[in-house]
Amino acid sequence: MFRKKPKKEPYNKEEQKPVIRSSICTGEKVAGFKDLRTGKFTEVMLIRNDKDMEEFLEKYDIPAEELKKEW
């Protein structure tokens, strides 16, 4: 089974930062973007495994070291 390469999508790097939100209780991880002015988090996708993480990073052209984790 072949997985389609995700289409690259832009995000506003001057107003948003990529973030992984992780639940302390359940361990559930959600990828999204945090508005730098308001702090509002916009959920993009659920991260269930390493492939989901790779897909998120590739889709938005984010270097792994730039991704921050929040609890």
C-alpha atoms as a PDB file:
ATOM      1  CA  MET A   1       0.000   0.000   0.000  1.00  0.00           C
ATOM      2  CA  PHE A   2       1.416   3.353  -1.015  1.00  0.00           C
ATOM      3  CA  ARG A   3       0.907   6.459   1.038  1.00  0.00           C
ATOM      4  CA  LYS A   4       0.400   9.649  -0.919  1.00  0.00           C
ATOM      5  CA  LYS A   5       2.894  12.393  -0.184  1.00  0.00           C
ATOM      6  CA  PRO A   6       1.107  15.176   1.630  1.00  0.00           C
ATOM      7  CA  LYS A   7       0.718  18.398  -0.283  1.00  0.00           C
ATOM      8  CA  LYS A   8       2.851  21.132   1.280  1.00  0.00           C
ATOM      9  CA  GLU A   9       0.728  23.750   2.956  1.00  0.00           C
ATOM     10  CA  PRO A  10       1.984  27.075   4.242  1.00  0.00           C
ATOM     11  CA  TYR A  11       1.414  28.566   7.655  1.00  0.00           C
ATOM     12  CA  ASN A  12       2.211  32.088   8.792  1.00  0.00           C
ATOM     13  CA  LYS A  13       5.637  31.719  10.428  1.00  0.00           C
ATOM     14  CA  GLU A  14       5.575  35.308  11.683  1.00  0.00           C
ATOM     15  CA  GLU A  15       2.274  34.855  13.542  1.00  0.00           C
ATOM     16  CA  GLN A  16       2.196  31.135  14.361  1.00  0.00           C
ATOM     17  CA  LYS A  17       4.496  28.475  15.749  1.00  0.00           C
ATOM     18  CA  PRO A  18       4.119  24.709  15.274  1.00  0.00           C
ATOM     19  CA  VAL A  19       3.268  22.869  18.492  1.00  0.00           C
ATOM     20  CA  ILE A  20       2.542  19.330  19.675  1.00  0.00           C
ATOM     21  CA  ARG A  21       0.049  19.297  22.531  1.00  0.00           C
ATOM     22  CA  SER A  22       0.378  16.217  24.689  1.00  0.00           C
ATOM     23  CA  SER A  23      -2.058  15.187  27.402  1.00  0.00           C
ATOM     24  CA  ILE A  24      -0.389  14.375  30.709  1.00  0.00           C
ATOM     25  CA  CYS A  25      -3.236  12.014  31.653  1.00  0.00           C
ATOM     26  CA  THR A  26      -3.850  10.080  28.431  1.00  0.00           C
ATOM     27  CA  GLY A  27      -0.681  10.693  26.420  1.00  0.00           C
ATOM     28  CA  GLU A  28      -2.779  11.763  23.413  1.00  0.00           C
ATOM     29  CA  LYS A  29      -0.835  14.042  21.051  1.00  0.00           C
ATOM     30  CA  VAL A  30      -2.307  16.680  18.760  1.00  0.00           C
ATOM     31  CA  ALA A  31      -0.338  18.705  16.225  1.00  0.00           C
ATOM     32  CA  GLY A  32      -1.262  22.254  15.391  1.00  0.00           C
ATOM     33  CA  PHE A  33      -0.270  25.887  15.472  1.00  0.00           C
ATOM     34  CA  LYS A  34      -0.232  28.417  18.295  1.00  0.00           C
ATOM     35  CA  ASP A  35      -0.930  32.068  17.560  1.00  0.00           C
ATOM     36  CA  LEU A  36       2.005  34.072  18.917  1.00  0.00           C
ATOM     37  CA  ARG A  37      -0.144  37.097  19.819  1.00  0.00           C
ATOM     38  CA  THR A  38      -3.199  35.476  21.391  1.00  0.00           C
ATOM     39  CA  GLY A  39      -1.854  32.074  22.434  1.00  0.00           C
ATOM     40  CA  LYS A  40      -4.829  30.385  20.722  1.00  0.00           C
ATOM     41  CA  PHE A  41      -4.079  26.818  19.591  1.00  0.00           C
ATOM     42  CA  THR A  42      -5.459  25.593  16.261  1.00  0.00           C
ATOM     43  CA  GLU A  43      -5.595  21.804  16.035  1.00  0.00           C
ATOM     44  CA  VAL A  44      -4.525  20.274  12.702  1.00  0.00           C
ATOM     45  CA  MET A  45      -4.205  16.531  13.251  1.00  0.00           C
ATOM     46  CA  LEU A  46      -4.057  13.738  15.800  1.00  0.00           C
ATOM     47  CA  ILE A  47      -0.594  12.183  16.156  1.00  0.00           C
ATOM     48  CA  ARG A  48      -0.987   8.435  16.715  1.00  0.00           C
ATOM     49  CA  ASN A  49       2.468   7.265  15.628  1.00  0.00           C
ATOM     50  CA  ASP A  50       5.783   8.295  14.049  1.00  0.00           C
ATOM     51  CA  LYS A  51       4.298   8.243  10.535  1.00  0.00           C
ATOM     52  CA  ASP A  52       1.664  10.801  11.554  1.00  0.00           C
ATOM     53  CA  MET A  53       4.422  12.987  13.009  1.00  0.00           C
ATOM     54  CA  GLU A  54       6.485  12.710   9.802  1.00  0.00           C
ATOM     55  CA  GLU A  55       3.414  13.561   7.726  1.00  0.00           C
ATOM     56  CA  PHE A  56       2.734  16.706   9.790  1.00  0.00           C
ATOM     57  CA  LEU A  57       6.358  17.853   9.578  1.00  0.00           C
ATOM     58  CA  GLU A  58       6.524  17.203   5.836  1.00  0.00           C
ATOM     59  CA  LYS A  59       3.124  18.710   5.017  1.00  0.00           C
ATOM     60  CA  TYR A  60       3.987  22.032   6.643  1.00  0.00           C
ATOM     61  CA  ASP A  61       7.729  21.886   5.853  1.00  0.00           C
ATOM     62  CA  ILE A  62       8.721  22.081   9.524  1.00  0.00           C
ATOM     63  CA  PRO A  63      12.189  21.042  10.714  1.00  0.00           C
ATOM     64  CA  ALA A  64      11.798  18.578  13.617  1.00  0.00           C
ATOM     65  CA  GLU A  65      13.976  20.698  15.924  1.00  0.00           C
ATOM     66  CA  GLU A  66      11.594  23.651  15.432  1.00  0.00           C
ATOM     67  CA  LEU A  67       8.599  21.721  16.800  1.00  0.00           C
ATOM     68  CA  LYS A  68       7.830  22.429  20.473  1.00  0.00           C
ATOM     69  CA  LYS A  69       5.846  20.229  22.866  1.00  0.00           C
ATOM     70  CA  GLU A  70       3.313  21.592  25.345  1.00  0.00           C
ATOM     71  CA  TRP A  71       1.372  19.874  28.120  1.00  0.00           C
END
